Protein backbone atom coordinates (compact mmCIF):
# COMPACT_ATOMS: atom_id res chain seq x y z
CA MET A 1 26.08 143.35 272.95
CA LYS A 2 25.31 142.66 277.12
CA LEU A 3 26.07 145.61 279.32
CA GLU A 4 28.99 143.79 280.90
CA GLU A 5 30.71 143.24 277.49
CA LYS A 6 30.31 146.99 276.94
CA LEU A 7 31.91 147.55 280.23
CA ASP A 8 34.93 145.31 279.44
CA GLU A 9 35.56 146.85 275.85
CA LYS A 10 34.90 150.47 276.72
CA ALA A 11 35.15 151.51 280.36
CA LEU A 12 37.49 152.46 282.68
CA PRO A 13 40.00 149.85 284.15
CA LEU A 14 38.70 150.96 287.85
CA LEU A 15 35.10 151.24 286.47
CA ARG A 16 35.46 147.43 285.39
CA GLN A 17 37.21 146.44 288.90
CA PHE A 18 34.15 148.31 290.87
CA MET A 19 31.48 146.67 289.05
CA ARG A 20 32.95 143.03 289.53
CA ASP A 21 33.91 144.22 292.94
CA LEU A 22 30.48 145.26 294.09
CA GLU A 23 28.72 141.98 292.30
CA SER A 24 31.76 139.38 293.95
CA PRO A 25 30.41 136.08 295.28
CA ALA A 26 29.39 136.16 299.10
CA GLN A 27 32.54 134.23 300.32
CA VAL A 28 34.55 137.18 299.75
CA ARG A 29 32.30 139.44 301.34
CA ARG A 30 32.89 138.44 304.61
CA PHE A 31 32.74 140.19 307.29
CA GLY A 32 36.41 142.17 307.88
CA SER A 33 37.20 142.09 304.11
CA GLY A 34 36.05 146.04 303.39
CA TRP A 35 33.73 144.99 301.44
CA LEU A 36 30.57 145.86 303.73
CA SER A 37 32.69 149.28 304.69
CA GLY A 38 33.19 149.86 300.63
CA PHE A 39 29.77 149.29 299.93
CA PHE A 40 27.93 151.59 302.73
CA ALA A 41 31.06 154.36 301.80
CA ILE A 42 29.35 154.43 298.35
CA LEU A 43 25.81 154.63 299.30
CA LEU A 44 26.55 157.40 301.71
CA ALA A 45 28.33 158.96 299.37
CA ALA A 46 25.94 158.35 296.40
CA ALA A 47 23.16 159.84 299.06
CA GLY A 48 25.53 162.82 299.72
CA LEU A 49 26.08 163.82 296.43
CA ILE A 50 22.61 163.61 295.32
CA MET A 51 21.42 165.81 297.86
CA VAL A 52 24.12 168.44 297.58
CA VAL A 53 22.44 168.21 293.67
CA ALA A 54 19.34 168.78 294.82
CA LEU A 55 20.41 171.71 296.98
CA ARG A 56 22.46 173.53 294.29
CA PHE A 57 19.67 172.98 292.04
CA PRO A 58 16.56 173.08 293.90
CA ASP A 59 14.48 174.25 290.28
CA TRP A 60 15.71 170.88 288.38
CA PHE A 61 16.54 168.34 290.63
CA ALA A 62 13.99 168.45 294.20
CA THR A 63 10.58 167.58 294.62
CA PRO A 64 9.01 170.36 296.67
CA GLU A 65 7.12 167.77 299.28
CA LEU A 66 10.41 167.00 300.60
CA ALA A 67 11.69 170.92 300.77
CA VAL A 68 10.37 170.41 304.75
CA ILE A 69 13.08 167.92 305.44
CA LYS A 70 15.54 170.22 303.64
CA ASP A 71 14.29 173.04 305.47
CA TRP A 72 14.54 171.19 309.21
CA SER A 73 18.01 172.88 310.88
CA GLY A 74 19.57 169.95 311.72
CA PHE A 75 19.11 168.57 307.77
CA ARG A 76 22.78 170.50 306.74
CA THR A 77 24.16 168.81 309.92
CA VAL A 78 23.08 165.45 309.37
CA LEU A 79 24.39 166.15 305.53
CA HIS A 80 27.63 166.73 306.56
CA VAL A 81 27.55 163.66 308.98
CA ILE A 82 26.68 161.19 306.01
CA LEU A 83 29.58 162.57 303.52
CA LEU A 84 32.11 162.62 306.65
CA GLY A 85 31.01 158.69 307.51
CA SER A 86 31.50 157.79 303.27
CA TYR A 87 34.93 159.43 303.64
CA ALA A 88 35.66 157.25 306.86
CA LEU A 89 34.15 153.83 305.35
CA SER A 90 36.13 154.71 302.10
CA LEU A 91 39.69 154.85 304.00
CA LEU A 92 38.56 152.16 305.75
CA SER A 93 37.73 149.85 303.00
CA LEU A 94 41.21 151.06 301.04
CA LEU A 95 42.91 149.74 304.26
CA LEU A 96 40.87 146.48 304.55
CA ARG A 97 40.41 145.33 300.82
CA PRO A 98 43.52 144.31 298.68
CA ARG A 99 41.04 145.24 295.28
CA LYS A 100 40.65 149.20 296.27
CA ALA A 101 38.26 149.83 293.73
CA LEU A 102 34.89 150.23 296.07
CA GLY A 103 37.17 152.73 298.38
CA LEU A 104 38.26 154.53 295.85
CA VAL A 105 34.75 155.06 294.01
CA ALA A 106 33.26 156.26 297.35
CA LEU A 107 36.17 158.30 297.91
CA VAL A 108 35.79 159.92 294.26
CA ILE A 109 31.90 160.37 294.63
CA GLY A 110 32.54 161.97 298.20
CA LEU A 111 34.72 164.63 297.08
CA GLY A 112 32.46 165.59 294.16
CA ALA A 113 29.93 166.28 296.72
CA ALA A 114 32.50 168.25 298.22
CA LEU A 115 33.36 170.03 295.06
CA ILE A 116 30.20 171.51 294.74
CA GLY A 117 29.60 172.58 297.96
CA GLY A 118 29.29 169.77 300.59
CA SER A 119 26.76 170.34 303.06
CA ALA A 120 27.74 174.20 303.00
CA VAL A 121 26.24 174.39 299.43
CA GLN A 122 24.07 177.18 298.24
CA ALA A 123 21.15 177.05 295.88
CA GLU A 124 22.61 178.64 292.44
CA GLU A 125 20.02 180.35 290.34
CA THR A 126 18.74 178.89 287.41
CA GLN A 127 16.10 179.18 284.48
CA SER A 128 13.32 177.62 285.90
CA TRP A 129 11.45 174.87 283.15
CA GLY A 130 8.41 174.36 285.10
CA ILE A 131 8.98 170.57 285.60
CA PHE A 132 11.37 169.14 287.60
CA PHE A 133 13.24 165.78 287.97
CA GLY A 134 12.92 164.00 291.40
CA LEU A 135 16.73 163.20 292.08
CA ASP A 136 16.28 163.55 295.93
CA PHE A 137 12.91 161.75 295.81
CA PHE A 138 14.55 158.92 294.20
CA ILE A 139 17.64 158.70 296.98
CA VAL A 140 14.64 159.11 299.88
CA ASN A 141 13.02 156.32 298.28
CA LEU A 142 15.95 153.89 297.62
CA LEU A 143 17.22 153.94 300.70
CA VAL A 144 13.93 153.75 302.69
CA THR A 145 12.57 150.66 300.65
CA GLY A 146 16.26 149.67 300.76
CA PHE A 147 16.71 149.60 304.15
CA MET A 148 13.31 147.76 304.64
CA PHE A 149 13.74 145.12 302.73
CA ALA A 150 17.16 143.91 301.86
CA PRO A 151 17.69 143.11 305.38
CA LEU A 152 14.44 141.46 305.08
CA GLU A 153 16.05 139.40 302.50
CA ARG A 154 19.06 138.70 304.02
CA PHE A 155 17.16 137.51 307.38
CA ARG A 156 14.51 135.12 305.78
CA PRO A 157 15.23 134.26 302.48
CA HIS A 158 13.35 132.38 300.26
CA ARG A 159 16.44 131.88 297.90
CA ARG A 160 19.26 131.96 300.21
CA GLU A 161 22.07 131.74 297.58
CA GLN A 162 20.30 134.92 295.70
CA ARG A 163 23.09 137.80 295.73
CA LEU A 164 22.17 141.46 296.92
CA PHE A 165 23.44 142.21 293.40
CA ARG A 166 22.03 139.47 291.17
CA ASN A 167 21.67 139.15 287.69
CA GLU A 168 20.05 142.50 286.39
CA TRP A 169 20.12 144.49 289.09
CA ARG A 170 21.32 147.72 287.16
CA GLU A 171 18.67 147.15 284.22
CA ASP A 172 16.04 147.19 287.42
CA LEU A 173 17.63 149.74 289.48
CA PHE A 174 17.34 152.11 285.94
CA TYR A 175 13.53 151.28 286.13
CA PHE A 176 13.40 152.38 289.41
CA LEU A 177 15.51 155.85 288.76
CA VAL A 178 13.01 156.32 285.96
CA SER A 179 9.83 156.07 287.72
CA THR A 180 10.90 158.35 291.12
CA MET A 181 12.71 161.45 289.10
CA PHE A 182 9.81 161.47 286.82
CA VAL A 183 7.43 161.57 289.77
CA GLN A 184 5.76 164.70 288.66
CA VAL A 185 5.46 164.36 284.77
CA LEU A 186 4.04 160.73 285.73
CA ALA A 187 1.76 162.23 288.17
CA PHE A 188 0.43 165.28 285.57
CA ILE A 189 0.02 162.49 283.20
CA THR A 190 -2.19 160.04 285.15
CA LEU A 191 -4.20 162.59 287.14
CA SER A 192 -5.60 164.38 284.23
CA PRO A 193 -8.26 162.17 283.28
CA SER A 194 -9.67 162.38 287.04
CA GLU A 195 -9.69 165.84 287.06
CA ILE A 196 -11.37 165.71 283.70
CA ILE A 197 -14.14 163.59 285.43
CA ASN A 198 -14.50 165.76 288.38
CA ALA A 199 -15.00 169.09 286.25
CA ASN A 200 -17.69 167.33 284.26
CA THR A 201 -19.38 165.64 287.08
CA SER A 202 -20.80 168.15 289.44
CA ASN A 203 -23.73 166.32 289.86
CA TRP A 204 -21.83 163.77 291.94
CA ASP A 205 -20.88 166.20 294.85
CA ALA A 206 -22.97 164.70 297.56
CA PHE A 207 -22.07 161.24 296.55
CA ARG A 208 -18.56 162.50 297.08
CA ALA A 209 -19.23 164.04 300.65
CA SER A 210 -20.98 160.91 301.74
CA VAL A 211 -17.72 159.24 300.65
CA ALA A 212 -15.66 161.64 302.70
CA SER A 213 -17.75 161.61 306.03
CA MET A 214 -16.80 158.00 306.35
CA PRO A 215 -14.59 156.70 308.86
CA TRP A 216 -11.06 157.27 307.59
CA LEU A 217 -10.05 153.57 308.32
CA LEU A 218 -13.31 152.48 306.56
CA GLN A 219 -12.44 154.75 303.69
CA PHE A 220 -8.66 153.04 303.26
CA VAL A 221 -10.40 149.76 303.25
CA ILE A 222 -12.76 150.59 300.44
CA ALA A 223 -10.03 152.17 298.55
CA VAL A 224 -7.92 149.05 298.47
CA PHE A 225 -10.74 146.93 297.47
CA ILE A 226 -11.78 149.03 294.89
CA SER A 227 -8.59 149.76 293.73
CA ASP A 228 -7.39 146.10 293.62
CA MET A 229 -10.58 144.77 291.81
CA ALA A 230 -9.61 147.56 289.18
CA GLN A 231 -6.32 146.42 288.93
CA TYR A 232 -7.49 142.71 288.76
CA TRP A 233 -9.16 143.10 285.28
CA TYR A 234 -6.49 145.82 283.77
CA HIS A 235 -3.57 142.79 284.67
CA ARG A 236 -5.77 140.12 283.56
CA LEU A 237 -6.48 142.15 279.98
CA PHE A 238 -2.40 142.99 279.90
CA HIS A 239 -1.96 139.23 280.01
CA GLN A 240 -4.95 138.32 277.38
CA VAL A 241 -4.56 141.05 274.86
CA PRO A 242 -1.22 140.44 272.73
CA PHE A 243 -0.36 143.98 272.08
CA LEU A 244 -0.69 145.23 275.83
CA TRP A 245 1.10 141.58 276.81
CA GLY A 246 4.36 143.06 274.93
CA PHE A 247 4.16 145.95 277.53
CA HIS A 248 3.74 143.75 280.20
CA ALA A 249 6.09 141.06 279.37
CA VAL A 250 9.16 143.48 280.14
CA HIS A 251 7.90 143.22 283.78
CA HIS A 252 7.57 139.18 283.46
CA SER A 253 11.31 139.07 281.86
CA ALA A 254 12.83 139.49 285.43
CA LYS A 255 14.36 136.12 285.79
CA SER A 256 15.11 136.67 289.85
CA MET A 257 12.64 138.26 292.44
CA ASP A 258 13.48 141.00 294.89
CA TRP A 259 12.04 143.80 296.40
CA LEU A 260 13.69 146.08 293.18
CA ALA A 261 12.61 143.54 290.28
CA GLY A 262 9.05 145.31 290.89
CA SER A 263 10.17 148.35 289.70
CA ARG A 264 10.78 146.81 286.04
CA MET A 265 7.99 147.97 284.34
CA HIS A 266 7.41 149.96 280.35
CA ILE A 267 6.99 153.09 280.95
CA VAL A 268 3.71 153.24 279.35
CA GLU A 269 2.26 150.53 281.31
CA VAL A 270 3.06 152.30 284.60
CA ILE A 271 1.51 155.56 283.47
CA LEU A 272 -1.68 153.38 282.77
CA LEU A 273 -1.68 151.52 285.72
CA ARG A 274 -1.33 154.92 287.60
CA THR A 275 -4.47 156.13 285.74
CA ILE A 276 -6.44 153.75 286.82
CA THR A 277 -6.09 152.91 290.31
CA SER A 278 -5.97 157.11 290.55
CA LEU A 279 -9.68 157.12 288.89
CA PRO A 280 -11.83 155.40 291.68
CA LEU A 281 -9.35 157.56 294.49
CA PHE A 282 -9.67 160.79 292.96
CA THR A 283 -13.45 161.16 291.67
CA LEU A 284 -14.90 159.40 294.50
CA GLY A 285 -14.86 161.16 297.29
CA PHE A 286 -12.23 160.05 299.18
CA ASP A 287 -10.00 161.85 301.74
CA ALA A 288 -7.09 162.98 300.63
CA SER A 289 -5.06 161.54 303.12
CA VAL A 290 -6.65 158.62 302.45
CA MET A 291 -5.20 158.41 298.92
CA GLN A 292 -1.92 159.67 300.17
CA ALA A 293 -1.90 156.23 302.59
CA TYR A 294 -2.63 154.26 299.65
CA ILE A 295 -0.26 155.29 297.25
CA GLY A 296 2.28 154.99 299.51
CA PHE A 297 1.07 151.52 301.56
CA VAL A 298 0.63 150.24 297.83
CA TYR A 299 4.32 150.97 296.74
CA ILE A 300 5.79 149.40 299.54
CA TYR A 301 3.49 146.09 299.32
CA SER A 302 4.37 146.07 295.67
CA SER A 303 7.79 145.84 297.18
CA LEU A 304 7.38 143.13 299.53
CA LEU A 305 5.46 140.61 296.77
CA HIS A 306 8.15 141.14 294.45
CA ALA A 307 11.12 140.54 297.83
CA ASN A 308 12.58 137.01 297.83
CA VAL A 309 11.29 136.82 301.61
CA GLY A 310 10.45 132.96 302.54
CA GLY A 311 7.36 132.22 304.71
CA ASN A 312 4.70 129.82 302.72
CA PHE A 313 1.46 131.17 305.05
CA ASN A 314 -0.61 128.64 303.26
CA ARG A 315 -3.75 129.94 305.41
CA LEU A 316 -3.36 133.76 304.89
CA GLY A 317 -2.34 133.27 301.51
CA HIS A 318 -5.42 132.77 300.52
CA TRP A 319 -7.05 136.29 301.95
CA VAL A 320 -4.24 138.57 301.41
CA ALA A 321 -1.28 138.51 299.15
CA THR A 322 2.24 137.03 300.38
CA PRO A 323 5.35 136.94 298.23
CA ARG A 324 4.68 133.46 297.57
CA PHE A 325 1.22 134.13 296.20
CA HIS A 326 2.64 136.73 293.39
CA HIS A 327 6.24 135.15 292.97
CA TRP A 328 3.49 132.09 291.26
CA HIS A 329 2.30 134.90 289.21
CA HIS A 330 6.11 135.53 288.07
CA GLY A 331 6.60 131.53 287.59
CA LEU A 332 8.34 130.18 284.31
CA GLU A 333 6.25 126.99 285.01
CA ARG A 334 3.43 126.29 282.89
CA GLU A 335 0.75 126.08 286.18
CA ALA A 336 1.86 129.35 286.76
CA PHE A 337 0.90 131.17 283.65
CA ASP A 338 -2.25 133.79 283.80
CA VAL A 339 -2.65 132.92 287.71
CA ASN A 340 -2.94 135.12 290.89
CA PHE A 341 -3.59 139.00 289.07
CA ALA A 342 -4.78 140.40 292.42
CA ILE A 343 -2.44 142.96 294.22
CA HIS A 344 -4.09 142.70 297.96
CA PHE A 345 -6.70 140.20 297.70
CA PRO A 346 -6.66 136.72 296.30
CA PHE A 347 -10.26 136.17 297.15
CA ILE A 348 -10.62 137.71 293.75
CA ASP A 349 -8.73 135.52 292.09
CA LYS A 350 -10.80 133.04 293.30
CA MET A 351 -13.78 134.59 292.48
CA PHE A 352 -12.97 134.69 288.79
CA GLY A 353 -10.72 131.30 288.78
CA THR A 354 -7.43 132.34 288.46
CA PHE A 355 -6.19 131.48 291.95
CA HIS A 356 -3.30 129.29 292.20
CA LEU A 357 -1.32 128.92 295.50
CA PRO A 358 0.13 124.57 295.88
CA GLU A 359 0.86 123.98 299.29
CA ASP A 360 4.03 124.75 300.54
CA ARG A 361 5.77 125.09 296.82
CA TRP A 362 6.94 128.12 295.26
CA PRO A 363 8.27 128.21 291.30
CA LYS A 364 11.33 126.57 290.55
CA ASP A 365 12.31 129.52 288.26
CA TYR A 366 11.18 133.12 286.96
CA GLY A 367 10.70 134.44 283.82
CA ILE A 368 8.55 134.09 280.93
CA PRO A 369 9.58 131.89 277.61
CA GLU A 370 10.20 134.59 275.27
CA ASP A 371 13.00 136.65 274.15
CA VAL A 372 12.77 139.80 276.16
CA PRO A 373 16.44 141.84 275.17
CA GLN A 374 18.48 143.63 277.87
CA GLY A 375 18.70 146.79 278.37
CA TYR A 376 16.32 149.56 279.34
CA SER A 377 16.27 150.99 275.58
CA LYS A 378 15.59 147.73 274.15
CA GLN A 379 12.92 146.80 276.24
CA PHE A 380 11.10 150.01 275.37
CA LEU A 381 10.92 149.61 272.25
CA TYR A 382 9.81 145.77 272.29
CA PRO A 383 6.23 146.11 272.23
CA LEU A 384 7.04 147.45 268.93
CA THR A 385 9.27 144.94 267.72
CA ARG A 386 7.96 141.96 269.79
CA THR A 387 7.73 138.92 267.47
CA GLY A 388 6.70 136.51 270.09
CA GLU A 389 9.69 133.76 269.68
CA LYS A 390 9.98 131.37 272.45
CA THR A 391 12.99 131.05 273.91
CA ASP A 392 14.86 127.14 275.00
């Protein structure tokens, strides 16, 4: 049963109305309708609530690397302004919009943040589990990438008719949540092979020292190229081995492309991919700042490649990966199958005969001719339950 049908049967009327209002067509979301104020009220209220929870339960939901932000003297003032802004915008939405769901939900979320302490919340002593779930990292990541790419998709879209809250956006947001909240667990799993190699290859120390002595920019370019070469073969293997394809099919099941669609990846593939890309970075002697810069770069670049952003870039697309280059990798047409595996450098595909970028053309549709179920839990089990049945 689809998520929408479950909502219709079981959810509260306000929640059903909220989801319908949030996903309403563009003609009823015009400026002055109260939709924009309601949407930003929800965004601010949710961000405020998540940060308040992270401040109240730091051992469970706070990312240590973000402590420098939360310890900043002006952070709680900013958090207070965010919560006040959510209240003001929710009231404005209630005044302007005939449907009150957006404003009411934002108001409830904001009041929830106030009830557990608001911007003056104090940390509660808890039993440390030794691991944490990066709830604060999730909202920071979401806001940074969202404010980076959502406006770009509005100003320079490939498909102008595609909505911000298009079909399957809730699934992809949940994938985004999982990959960011479990950042500590994923880091431990994916870095373990690198630590084992480093511990048993002390004879590589001279080589590592020579790599570390290279100019920073040269290290970065080499790191990007080596990682892209590794990802090319990793990516191609997941297309050619049927069992591995079951995991990768989840990523390709997205029928719409935008910056959030790139988050749809089976957790097993996420672990294996991060392991493959971290191995050369953490075992060959690259400077720590180079590795950190690469991780941030590839995360943002991946969002760009999946984004609903126009521009043909016929010449550039032969040397640097562009959205159109990667969209062909996700195309539903036969000519789009098993092409464009590189993440950064299309000339790698040229080297191995998998490059495809017809001039001035984009794929007509996205997805795969295979019946991948909807919902995170069913997609998690899909590699084990996959029958390979083709859809019409």
